[in-house]
Amino acid sequence: MPIVNIFEAKTNLSKLVARAEQGEEIIIARNGKPAVRLTQLESATKPQIRFGGLKGKIWVADDFDDDLPEDLLKEFEGDIFPPMPPDPVSSDPAPPSLAKDATKAPAP
């Protein structure tokens, strides 16, 4: 396990990283005292995808993509809640700047 000082590590960082990727462990020292360890990440290798790994362990119901029952569909669409009453604070239908433009007749 080689020990390098910080200046040397900054100068040769790419080379040290390449060595670490090959599995070598490198200690970086500050003022001659070991400070950090440069190593290869354990998760650096991409996991293999294994298709069919859950075959026979899960199932999808035959009616999975059928229409929802009407009562459940209403819950998703919001029909079970009454309409909101108008806000008493904003009785103006539009801000004054927009209301002026609304009174003008549209150009032919």
C-alpha atoms as a PDB file:
ATOM      1  CA  MET A   1       0.000   0.000   0.000  1.00  0.00           C
ATOM      2  CA  PRO A   2       1.886   3.073  -1.250  1.00  0.00           C
ATOM      3  CA  ILE A   3       1.777   6.350   0.653  1.00  0.00           C
ATOM      4  CA  VAL A   4       1.897   9.605  -1.341  1.00  0.00           C
ATOM      5  CA  ASN A   5       1.787  13.188  -0.105  1.00  0.00           C
ATOM      6  CA  ILE A   6      -0.958  15.613  -1.138  1.00  0.00           C
ATOM      7  CA  PHE A   7       1.227  17.522  -3.624  1.00  0.00           C
ATOM      8  CA  GLU A   8       2.193  14.306  -5.389  1.00  0.00           C
ATOM      9  CA  ALA A   9      -1.442  13.147  -5.345  1.00  0.00           C
ATOM     10  CA  LYS A  10      -2.605  16.420  -6.969  1.00  0.00           C
ATOM     11  CA  THR A  11       0.111  16.161  -9.604  1.00  0.00           C
ATOM     12  CA  ASN A  12      -0.594  12.515 -10.463  1.00  0.00           C
ATOM     13  CA  LEU A  13      -4.284  12.199  -9.611  1.00  0.00           C
ATOM     14  CA  SER A  14      -5.276  10.559 -12.914  1.00  0.00           C
ATOM     15  CA  LYS A  15      -2.556   7.931 -12.549  1.00  0.00           C
ATOM     16  CA  LEU A  16      -3.476   7.268  -8.920  1.00  0.00           C
ATOM     17  CA  VAL A  17      -7.155   6.884  -9.808  1.00  0.00           C
ATOM     18  CA  ALA A  18      -6.248   4.428 -12.569  1.00  0.00           C
ATOM     19  CA  ARG A  19      -4.200   2.398 -10.077  1.00  0.00           C
ATOM     20  CA  ALA A  20      -7.074   2.449  -7.589  1.00  0.00           C
ATOM     21  CA  GLU A  21      -9.466   1.267 -10.295  1.00  0.00           C
ATOM     22  CA  GLN A  22      -7.215  -1.749 -10.773  1.00  0.00           C
ATOM     23  CA  GLY A  23      -7.738  -2.640  -7.110  1.00  0.00           C
ATOM     24  CA  GLU A  24      -4.679  -1.008  -5.540  1.00  0.00           C
ATOM     25  CA  GLU A  25      -5.179   0.879  -2.284  1.00  0.00           C
ATOM     26  CA  ILE A  26      -3.323   4.207  -2.039  1.00  0.00           C
ATOM     27  CA  ILE A  27      -2.876   6.263   1.132  1.00  0.00           C
ATOM     28  CA  ILE A  28      -2.654  10.044   0.777  1.00  0.00           C
ATOM     29  CA  ALA A  29      -0.745  11.750   3.598  1.00  0.00           C
ATOM     30  CA  ARG A  30      -0.708  15.309   4.889  1.00  0.00           C
ATOM     31  CA  ASN A  31       2.558  16.394   6.529  1.00  0.00           C
ATOM     32  CA  GLY A  32       3.737  12.779   6.520  1.00  0.00           C
ATOM     33  CA  LYS A  33       0.653  11.522   8.397  1.00  0.00           C
ATOM     34  CA  PRO A  34      -1.880   9.296   6.595  1.00  0.00           C
ATOM     35  CA  ALA A  35      -5.056  11.290   5.956  1.00  0.00           C
ATOM     36  CA  VAL A  36      -7.223   9.433   3.412  1.00  0.00           C
ATOM     37  CA  ARG A  37      -7.390   6.176   1.505  1.00  0.00           C
ATOM     38  CA  LEU A  38      -7.988   6.069  -2.267  1.00  0.00           C
ATOM     39  CA  THR A  39      -9.699   2.796  -3.228  1.00  0.00           C
ATOM     40  CA  GLN A  40     -11.905   1.327  -5.895  1.00  0.00           C
ATOM     41  CA  LEU A  41     -15.627   1.632  -5.288  1.00  0.00           C
ATOM     42  CA  GLU A  42     -17.315  -1.657  -4.581  1.00  0.00           C
ATOM     43  CA  SER A  43     -20.370  -0.618  -6.574  1.00  0.00           C
ATOM     44  CA  ALA A  44     -18.319   0.448  -9.587  1.00  0.00           C
ATOM     45  CA  THR A  45     -19.340  -2.671 -11.477  1.00  0.00           C
ATOM     46  CA  LYS A  46     -22.771  -2.508 -13.070  1.00  0.00           C
ATOM     47  CA  PRO A  47     -25.119  -5.224 -11.806  1.00  0.00           C
ATOM     48  CA  GLN A  48     -26.269  -7.764 -14.359  1.00  0.00           C
ATOM     49  CA  ILE A  49     -29.934  -7.583 -15.346  1.00  0.00           C
ATOM     50  CA  ARG A  50     -31.532 -10.973 -15.027  1.00  0.00           C
ATOM     51  CA  PHE A  51     -34.785 -11.146 -16.959  1.00  0.00           C
ATOM     52  CA  GLY A  52     -37.396 -13.551 -15.653  1.00  0.00           C
ATOM     53  CA  GLY A  53     -36.022 -13.564 -12.118  1.00  0.00           C
ATOM     54  CA  LEU A  54     -39.522 -13.231 -10.635  1.00  0.00           C
ATOM     55  CA  LYS A  55     -41.224 -15.652 -13.022  1.00  0.00           C
ATOM     56  CA  GLY A  56     -43.834 -17.637 -11.117  1.00  0.00           C
ATOM     57  CA  LYS A  57     -43.529 -15.396  -8.047  1.00  0.00           C
ATOM     58  CA  ILE A  58     -45.876 -12.596  -9.161  1.00  0.00           C
ATOM     59  CA  TRP A  59     -49.017 -12.435 -11.256  1.00  0.00           C
ATOM     60  CA  VAL A  60     -51.259  -9.827 -12.825  1.00  0.00           C
ATOM     61  CA  ALA A  61     -55.010 -10.248 -12.557  1.00  0.00           C
ATOM     62  CA  ASP A  62     -56.891 -10.932 -15.785  1.00  0.00           C
ATOM     63  CA  ASP A  63     -59.062  -7.859 -15.217  1.00  0.00           C
ATOM     64  CA  PHE A  64     -56.076  -5.572 -14.503  1.00  0.00           C
ATOM     65  CA  ASP A  65     -56.787  -3.214 -17.396  1.00  0.00           C
ATOM     66  CA  ASP A  66     -60.601  -3.376 -17.305  1.00  0.00           C
ATOM     67  CA  ASP A  67     -62.616  -0.215 -16.669  1.00  0.00           C
ATOM     68  CA  LEU A  68     -62.827   0.900 -13.052  1.00  0.00           C
ATOM     69  CA  PRO A  69     -66.135   0.580 -11.181  1.00  0.00           C
ATOM     70  CA  GLU A  70     -68.185   3.784 -11.401  1.00  0.00           C
ATOM     71  CA  ASP A  71     -67.917   4.616  -7.673  1.00  0.00           C
ATOM     72  CA  LEU A  72     -64.116   4.235  -7.679  1.00  0.00           C
ATOM     73  CA  LEU A  73     -63.805   6.241 -10.885  1.00  0.00           C
ATOM     74  CA  LYS A  74     -65.777   9.087  -9.272  1.00  0.00           C
ATOM     75  CA  GLU A  75     -63.321   9.145  -6.371  1.00  0.00           C
ATOM     76  CA  PHE A  76     -60.394   9.592  -8.766  1.00  0.00           C
ATOM     77  CA  GLU A  77     -62.174  12.231 -10.813  1.00  0.00           C
ATOM     78  CA  GLY A  78     -63.418  14.203  -7.807  1.00  0.00           C
ATOM     79  CA  ASP A  79     -67.182  13.824  -8.304  1.00  0.00           C
ATOM     80  CA  ILE A  80     -67.699  12.907  -4.647  1.00  0.00           C
ATOM     81  CA  PHE A  81     -66.906  16.429  -3.422  1.00  0.00           C
ATOM     82  CA  PRO A  82     -69.429  19.270  -3.781  1.00  0.00           C
ATOM     83  CA  PRO A  83     -68.369  22.274  -5.866  1.00  0.00           C
ATOM     84  CA  MET A  84     -66.423  24.970  -4.017  1.00  0.00           C
ATOM     85  CA  PRO A  85     -68.389  28.123  -3.100  1.00  0.00           C
ATOM     86  CA  PRO A  86     -67.161  31.380  -4.667  1.00  0.00           C
ATOM     87  CA  ASP A  87     -64.477  33.248  -2.751  1.00  0.00           C
ATOM     88  CA  PRO A  88     -66.158  36.204  -0.943  1.00  0.00           C
ATOM     89  CA  VAL A  89     -62.930  38.234  -0.946  1.00  0.00           C
ATOM     90  CA  SER A  90     -62.492  38.319  -4.726  1.00  0.00           C
ATOM     91  CA  SER A  91     -65.965  39.365  -5.914  1.00  0.00           C
ATOM     92  CA  ASP A  92     -64.399  41.145  -8.906  1.00  0.00           C
ATOM     93  CA  PRO A  93     -64.503  38.833 -11.926  1.00  0.00           C
ATOM     94  CA  ALA A  94     -61.295  40.309 -13.386  1.00  0.00           C
ATOM     95  CA  PRO A  95     -58.636  42.836 -12.382  1.00  0.00           C
ATOM     96  CA  PRO A  96     -59.364  46.416 -13.547  1.00  0.00           C
ATOM     97  CA  SER A  97     -56.681  46.295 -16.220  1.00  0.00           C
ATOM     98  CA  LEU A  98     -58.318  43.270 -17.814  1.00  0.00           C
ATOM     99  CA  ALA A  99     -61.871  44.546 -17.310  1.00  0.00           C
ATOM    100  CA  LYS A 100     -61.171  47.648 -19.456  1.00  0.00           C
ATOM    101  CA  ASP A 101     -59.983  45.494 -22.332  1.00  0.00           C
ATOM    102  CA  ALA A 102     -63.053  43.280 -22.051  1.00  0.00           C
ATOM    103  CA  THR A 103     -65.390  46.242 -22.723  1.00  0.00           C
ATOM    104  CA  LYS A 104     -63.745  47.011 -26.059  1.00  0.00           C
ATOM    105  CA  ALA A 105     -65.338  45.514 -29.112  1.00  0.00           C
ATOM    106  CA  PRO A 106     -63.182  42.978 -30.947  1.00  0.00           C
ATOM    107  CA  ALA A 107     -61.622  44.201 -34.185  1.00  0.00           C
ATOM    108  CA  PRO A 108     -63.136  42.687 -37.358  1.00  0.00           C
END
